[in-house]
Each structure stands twice: as structure tokens, then as C-alpha cells.
Protein backbone atom coordinates (compact mmCIF):
# COMPACT_ATOMS: atom_id res chain seq x y z
CA MET A 1 0.00 0.00 0.00
CA PRO A 2 1.40 3.42 -0.92
CA ASN A 3 2.48 5.84 1.80
CA ILE A 4 2.91 9.02 -0.23
CA LYS A 5 -0.20 11.09 -0.88
CA SER A 6 0.33 11.33 -4.64
CA ALA A 7 0.93 7.57 -4.85
CA LYS A 8 -2.34 6.94 -2.98
CA LYS A 9 -4.17 9.19 -5.43
CA ARG A 10 -2.52 7.48 -8.39
CA ALA A 11 -3.55 4.04 -7.09
CA LYS A 12 -7.10 5.29 -6.63
CA THR A 13 -7.35 6.76 -10.14
CA ASN A 14 -5.75 3.67 -11.69
CA GLU A 15 -8.36 1.46 -10.07
CA LYS A 16 -11.17 3.77 -11.22
CA ARG A 17 -9.89 3.74 -14.80
CA ARG A 18 -9.38 -0.04 -14.74
CA ARG A 19 -13.02 -0.57 -13.73
CA LEU A 20 -14.28 1.84 -16.39
CA ARG A 21 -12.23 0.19 -19.13
CA ALA A 22 -13.35 -3.27 -18.01
CA ALA A 23 -16.99 -2.18 -18.20
CA GLN A 24 -16.52 -0.71 -21.68
CA LYS A 25 -14.75 -3.82 -22.93
CA SER A 26 -17.47 -6.02 -21.46
CA ALA A 27 -20.19 -3.95 -23.15
CA MET A 28 -18.35 -4.31 -26.46
CA ARG A 29 -18.10 -8.09 -26.13
CA THR A 30 -21.75 -8.34 -25.11
CA ALA A 31 -22.86 -6.37 -28.18
CA VAL A 32 -20.88 -8.69 -30.45
CA LYS A 33 -22.30 -11.80 -28.77
CA LYS A 34 -25.88 -10.52 -29.05
CA PHE A 35 -25.40 -10.10 -32.80
CA LEU A 36 -23.91 -13.59 -33.13
CA VAL A 37 -26.87 -15.09 -31.27
CA ALA A 38 -29.30 -13.28 -33.59
CA VAL A 39 -27.42 -14.63 -36.63
CA GLU A 40 -27.52 -18.16 -35.22
CA GLN A 41 -31.29 -17.86 -34.86
CA GLN A 42 -31.56 -16.58 -38.46
CA ASP A 43 -33.34 -13.44 -37.20
CA LYS A 44 -32.67 -10.72 -39.80
CA GLU A 45 -34.85 -8.06 -38.14
CA LYS A 46 -33.00 -8.32 -34.83
CA ALA A 47 -29.57 -8.80 -36.40
CA LEU A 48 -29.28 -5.52 -38.31
CA PRO A 49 -29.62 -3.12 -35.35
CA LEU A 50 -27.39 -5.42 -33.29
CA LEU A 51 -24.76 -5.34 -36.04
CA ARG A 52 -24.84 -1.54 -36.02
CA GLU A 53 -24.53 -1.50 -32.23
CA ALA A 54 -21.61 -3.95 -32.28
CA THR A 55 -19.68 -1.98 -34.92
CA LYS A 56 -20.34 1.23 -33.00
CA LYS A 57 -18.97 -0.31 -29.78
CA LEU A 58 -15.91 -1.65 -31.62
CA ASP A 59 -15.16 1.75 -33.13
CA LYS A 60 -15.63 3.44 -29.76
CA ALA A 61 -13.23 0.94 -28.16
CA VAL A 62 -10.58 1.88 -30.73
CA THR A 63 -10.94 5.61 -30.06
CA LYS A 64 -10.66 5.00 -26.33
CA GLY A 65 -7.57 2.82 -26.79
CA LEU A 66 -9.15 -0.38 -25.46
CA ILE A 67 -8.33 -2.44 -28.54
CA HIS A 68 -6.10 -2.03 -31.57
CA LYS A 69 -7.66 -0.64 -34.75
CA ASN A 70 -6.71 -3.74 -36.76
CA LYS A 71 -8.43 -5.99 -34.23
CA ALA A 72 -11.60 -3.93 -34.54
CA ALA A 73 -11.36 -4.01 -38.34
CA ARG A 74 -10.91 -7.79 -38.30
CA GLN A 75 -13.88 -8.31 -35.98
CA LYS A 76 -16.12 -5.98 -38.00
CA SER A 77 -15.11 -7.82 -41.17
CA ARG A 78 -16.08 -11.15 -39.63
CA LEU A 79 -19.40 -9.76 -38.41
CA MET A 80 -20.16 -8.38 -41.88
CA LYS A 81 -19.35 -11.77 -43.42
CA LYS A 82 -21.91 -13.39 -41.12
CA TRP A 83 -24.46 -10.68 -41.94
CA ASN A 84 -23.93 -11.18 -45.70
CA ALA A 85 -24.25 -14.95 -45.33
CA LEU A 86 -27.54 -14.42 -43.47
CA GLN A 87 -28.85 -12.28 -46.34
CA GLY A 88 -28.60 -15.16 -48.73
């Protein structure tokens, strides 16, 4: 445990940021999974808004520095492939 006041503050802010980033990352993963479930169930009406939400979360994660831009691009590409396969 830190003794210096600034070190205590730093530990506190680090923990706060860690929790925030974890929540954002979790929300991103959840959005992707919801889309994948909709695709599995062949539900086109539910899948489109979920695809938009998932891509939005992925882009937001890149701007916040949670994931690398190439990882987001790869995931979005895979999601779009699934969406196109669902279309026919």
C-alpha cells in the first residue's frame, strides 16, 4: 500500500480507470455476442440493429484505446461476413 499522498491518489485513479475500461470492454463483447446469437437464430430483423450497435462499440473501443484498430477491423469484417451470409 502506498504511503505518499500522490501515490495513494494514483492508485485510486488507476483502479477507477481499470473498472471503467473493463466495463466498456465487457459492453463491447456483449454487443458482439448478441449479434452472433441473432445470426444463429436466423433473425434478420433483430440482427441488423445489433450489427450496427456492435460496430459502433468496436469503433468506440478503438478511439478509447481499449483495442487495436486492426483488431476492430478484423472483428467488423467477420461480423459483416456473417451478416452477408444471413442475407442469402
